[in-house]
């Protein structure tokens, strides 16, 4: 077994790992009860799955592809938490506007106990 074929097997393992992680994330989105846990399952699974695909791209040896993979990874590091935060924030706003008693953020939150000048807690 040569070093090149070993790297190909390792890359295949990362692709398989990414596929499994993303599949588990889809199952988590389907099975979780509320928006916050669904959001957690989706954001973590997408980030980890895509990052394992990007690590598998290193096997090509092409500097342009490796640079693109690194750029995509950096963009994911910055955009995934921001997107997840904004979706959770919108869900919390919607629950507060509806007065949804089942939402744990809408009940007993410190932000709900203080007087506000605006109709939203943020």
C-alpha atoms as a PDB file:
ATOM      1  CA  UNK A   1       0.000   0.000   0.000  1.00  0.00           C
ATOM      2  CA  UNK A   2       1.507   3.285  -1.076  1.00  0.00           C
ATOM      3  CA  UNK A   3       1.192   6.607   0.654  1.00  0.00           C
ATOM      4  CA  UNK A   4      -1.091   7.939  -2.091  1.00  0.00           C
ATOM      5  CA  UNK A   5      -3.566   5.110  -1.686  1.00  0.00           C
ATOM      6  CA  UNK A   6      -3.463   5.564   2.090  1.00  0.00           C
ATOM      7  CA  UNK A   7      -4.407   9.229   1.684  1.00  0.00           C
ATOM      8  CA  UNK A   8      -7.238   8.202  -0.640  1.00  0.00           C
ATOM      9  CA  UNK A   9      -8.588   5.813   2.012  1.00  0.00           C
ATOM     10  CA  UNK A  10      -8.358   8.524   4.655  1.00  0.00           C
ATOM     11  CA  UNK A  11     -10.206  10.975   2.386  1.00  0.00           C
ATOM     12  CA  UNK A  12     -12.900   8.363   1.757  1.00  0.00           C
ATOM     13  CA  UNK A  13     -13.213   7.917   5.516  1.00  0.00           C
ATOM     14  CA  UNK A  14     -13.747  11.653   5.997  1.00  0.00           C
ATOM     15  CA  UNK A  15     -16.407  11.681   3.270  1.00  0.00           C
ATOM     16  CA  UNK A  16     -18.157   8.759   4.941  1.00  0.00           C
ATOM     17  CA  UNK A  17     -17.899  10.489   8.326  1.00  0.00           C
ATOM     18  CA  UNK A  18     -19.379  13.695   6.899  1.00  0.00           C
ATOM     19  CA  UNK A  19     -22.252  11.794   5.324  1.00  0.00           C
ATOM     20  CA  UNK A  20     -23.017   9.979   8.566  1.00  0.00           C
ATOM     21  CA  UNK A  21     -22.878  13.163  10.646  1.00  0.00           C
ATOM     22  CA  UNK A  22     -25.187  15.007   8.258  1.00  0.00           C
ATOM     23  CA  UNK A  23     -27.618  12.088   8.215  1.00  0.00           C
ATOM     24  CA  UNK A  24     -27.707  12.081  12.017  1.00  0.00           C
ATOM     25  CA  UNK A  25     -28.359  15.829  11.879  1.00  0.00           C
ATOM     26  CA  UNK A  26     -31.348  15.294   9.599  1.00  0.00           C
ATOM     27  CA  UNK A  27     -32.719  12.683  11.988  1.00  0.00           C
ATOM     28  CA  UNK A  28     -32.186  15.157  14.838  1.00  0.00           C
ATOM     29  CA  UNK A  29     -34.122  17.855  13.004  1.00  0.00           C
ATOM     30  CA  UNK A  30     -37.006  15.450  12.433  1.00  0.00           C
ATOM     31  CA  UNK A  31     -37.043  13.978  15.950  1.00  0.00           C
ATOM     32  CA  UNK A  32     -36.372  16.966  18.227  1.00  0.00           C
ATOM     33  CA  UNK A  33     -39.402  18.582  19.874  1.00  0.00           C
ATOM     34  CA  UNK A  34     -38.820  22.338  19.616  1.00  0.00           C
ATOM     35  CA  UNK A  35     -37.113  24.859  17.386  1.00  0.00           C
ATOM     36  CA  UNK A  36     -34.103  25.370  19.647  1.00  0.00           C
ATOM     37  CA  UNK A  37     -33.041  21.734  19.782  1.00  0.00           C
ATOM     38  CA  UNK A  38     -33.769  21.318  16.073  1.00  0.00           C
ATOM     39  CA  UNK A  39     -31.601  24.325  15.380  1.00  0.00           C
ATOM     40  CA  UNK A  40     -28.798  22.904  17.500  1.00  0.00           C
ATOM     41  CA  UNK A  41     -28.913  19.566  15.693  1.00  0.00           C
ATOM     42  CA  UNK A  42     -28.964  21.206  12.279  1.00  0.00           C
ATOM     43  CA  UNK A  43     -26.208  23.738  12.837  1.00  0.00           C
ATOM     44  CA  UNK A  44     -23.768  21.321  14.473  1.00  0.00           C
ATOM     45  CA  UNK A  45     -24.377  18.583  11.927  1.00  0.00           C
ATOM     46  CA  UNK A  46     -23.965  20.858   8.935  1.00  0.00           C
ATOM     47  CA  UNK A  47     -20.795  22.424  10.298  1.00  0.00           C
ATOM     48  CA  UNK A  48     -19.131  19.144  11.251  1.00  0.00           C
ATOM     49  CA  UNK A  49     -20.270  17.345   8.108  1.00  0.00           C
ATOM     50  CA  UNK A  50     -19.071  20.031   5.728  1.00  0.00           C
ATOM     51  CA  UNK A  51     -15.785  20.402   7.603  1.00  0.00           C
ATOM     52  CA  UNK A  52     -15.102  16.692   7.201  1.00  0.00           C
ATOM     53  CA  UNK A  53     -15.832  17.040   3.470  1.00  0.00           C
ATOM     54  CA  UNK A  54     -13.375  19.930   3.356  1.00  0.00           C
ATOM     55  CA  UNK A  55     -10.689  17.877   5.100  1.00  0.00           C
ATOM     56  CA  UNK A  56     -11.251  15.173   2.484  1.00  0.00           C
ATOM     57  CA  UNK A  57     -10.645  17.762  -0.246  1.00  0.00           C
ATOM     58  CA  UNK A  58      -7.064  18.178   0.968  1.00  0.00           C
ATOM     59  CA  UNK A  59      -6.294  14.797  -0.612  1.00  0.00           C
ATOM     60  CA  UNK A  60      -6.424  16.355  -4.092  1.00  0.00           C
ATOM     61  CA  UNK A  61      -3.082  18.071  -3.551  1.00  0.00           C
ATOM     62  CA  UNK A  62      -4.127  21.007  -5.722  1.00  0.00           C
ATOM     63  CA  UNK A  63      -3.255  24.263  -3.905  1.00  0.00           C
ATOM     64  CA  UNK A  64      -6.227  26.098  -5.429  1.00  0.00           C
ATOM     65  CA  UNK A  65      -8.705  23.513  -4.141  1.00  0.00           C
ATOM     66  CA  UNK A  66      -7.054  23.442  -0.720  1.00  0.00           C
ATOM     67  CA  UNK A  67      -7.235  27.252  -0.540  1.00  0.00           C
ATOM     68  CA  UNK A  68     -10.918  27.170  -1.476  1.00  0.00           C
ATOM     69  CA  UNK A  69     -11.591  24.525   1.148  1.00  0.00           C
ATOM     70  CA  UNK A  70      -9.833  26.634   3.774  1.00  0.00           C
ATOM     71  CA  UNK A  71     -11.834  29.708   2.749  1.00  0.00           C
ATOM     72  CA  UNK A  72     -15.093  27.774   2.899  1.00  0.00           C
ATOM     73  CA  UNK A  73     -14.153  26.442   6.339  1.00  0.00           C
ATOM     74  CA  UNK A  74     -13.385  29.945   7.630  1.00  0.00           C
ATOM     75  CA  UNK A  75     -16.654  31.287   6.268  1.00  0.00           C
ATOM     76  CA  UNK A  76     -18.550  28.442   7.938  1.00  0.00           C
ATOM     77  CA  UNK A  77     -16.834  29.140  11.247  1.00  0.00           C
ATOM     78  CA  UNK A  78     -18.109  32.717  11.134  1.00  0.00           C
ATOM     79  CA  UNK A  79     -21.524  32.329   9.515  1.00  0.00           C
ATOM     80  CA  UNK A  80     -22.957  29.177  11.132  1.00  0.00           C
ATOM     81  CA  UNK A  81     -23.173  30.549  14.703  1.00  0.00           C
ATOM     82  CA  UNK A  82     -24.518  33.890  13.484  1.00  0.00           C
ATOM     83  CA  UNK A  83     -27.239  32.240  11.426  1.00  0.00           C
ATOM     84  CA  UNK A  84     -28.193  29.912  14.286  1.00  0.00           C
ATOM     85  CA  UNK A  85     -28.330  32.844  16.705  1.00  0.00           C
ATOM     86  CA  UNK A  86     -30.564  34.895  14.427  1.00  0.00           C
ATOM     87  CA  UNK A  87     -32.967  31.994  13.861  1.00  0.00           C
ATOM     88  CA  UNK A  88     -33.188  31.350  17.617  1.00  0.00           C
ATOM     89  CA  UNK A  89     -33.678  35.067  18.247  1.00  0.00           C
ATOM     90  CA  UNK A  90     -36.504  35.211  15.717  1.00  0.00           C
ATOM     91  CA  UNK A  91     -38.124  32.161  17.316  1.00  0.00           C
ATOM     92  CA  UNK A  92     -37.892  33.775  20.746  1.00  0.00           C
ATOM     93  CA  UNK A  93     -39.411  37.000  19.430  1.00  0.00           C
ATOM     94  CA  UNK A  94     -42.255  35.114  17.812  1.00  0.00           C
ATOM     95  CA  UNK A  95     -42.941  33.181  21.031  1.00  0.00           C
ATOM     96  CA  UNK A  96     -42.980  36.381  23.062  1.00  0.00           C
ATOM     97  CA  UNK A  97     -45.313  38.090  20.620  1.00  0.00           C
ATOM     98  CA  UNK A  98     -47.701  35.127  20.690  1.00  0.00           C
ATOM     99  CA  UNK A  99     -47.428  34.699  24.445  1.00  0.00           C
ATOM    100  CA  UNK A 100     -46.644  31.032  23.950  1.00  0.00           C
ATOM    101  CA  UNK A 101     -46.617  29.456  27.425  1.00  0.00           C
ATOM    102  CA  UNK A 102     -44.794  26.366  26.202  1.00  0.00           C
ATOM    103  CA  UNK A 103     -41.687  28.318  25.231  1.00  0.00           C
ATOM    104  CA  UNK A 104     -39.091  28.258  28.055  1.00  0.00           C
ATOM    105  CA  UNK A 105     -37.569  31.553  26.941  1.00  0.00           C
ATOM    106  CA  UNK A 106     -40.934  33.309  27.089  1.00  0.00           C
ATOM    107  CA  UNK A 107     -41.548  32.249  30.704  1.00  0.00           C
ATOM    108  CA  UNK A 108     -39.542  33.533  33.638  1.00  0.00           C
ATOM    109  CA  UNK A 109     -36.742  35.023  31.629  1.00  0.00           C
ATOM    110  CA  UNK A 110     -34.741  37.811  33.193  1.00  0.00           C
ATOM    111  CA  UNK A 111     -35.266  39.861  30.071  1.00  0.00           C
ATOM    112  CA  UNK A 112     -39.047  39.538  30.456  1.00  0.00           C
ATOM    113  CA  UNK A 113     -39.065  40.943  33.995  1.00  0.00           C
ATOM    114  CA  UNK A 114     -37.524  44.303  33.191  1.00  0.00           C
ATOM    115  CA  UNK A 115     -39.470  47.192  31.682  1.00  0.00           C
ATOM    116  CA  UNK A 116     -38.941  47.730  27.972  1.00  0.00           C
ATOM    117  CA  UNK A 117     -39.288  50.633  25.620  1.00  0.00           C
ATOM    118  CA  UNK A 118     -39.639  48.332  22.625  1.00  0.00           C
ATOM    119  CA  UNK A 119     -42.014  45.413  22.058  1.00  0.00           C
ATOM    120  CA  UNK A 120     -39.106  42.970  21.601  1.00  0.00           C
ATOM    121  CA  UNK A 121     -36.725  41.751  24.306  1.00  0.00           C
ATOM    122  CA  UNK A 122     -33.571  42.478  22.302  1.00  0.00           C
END
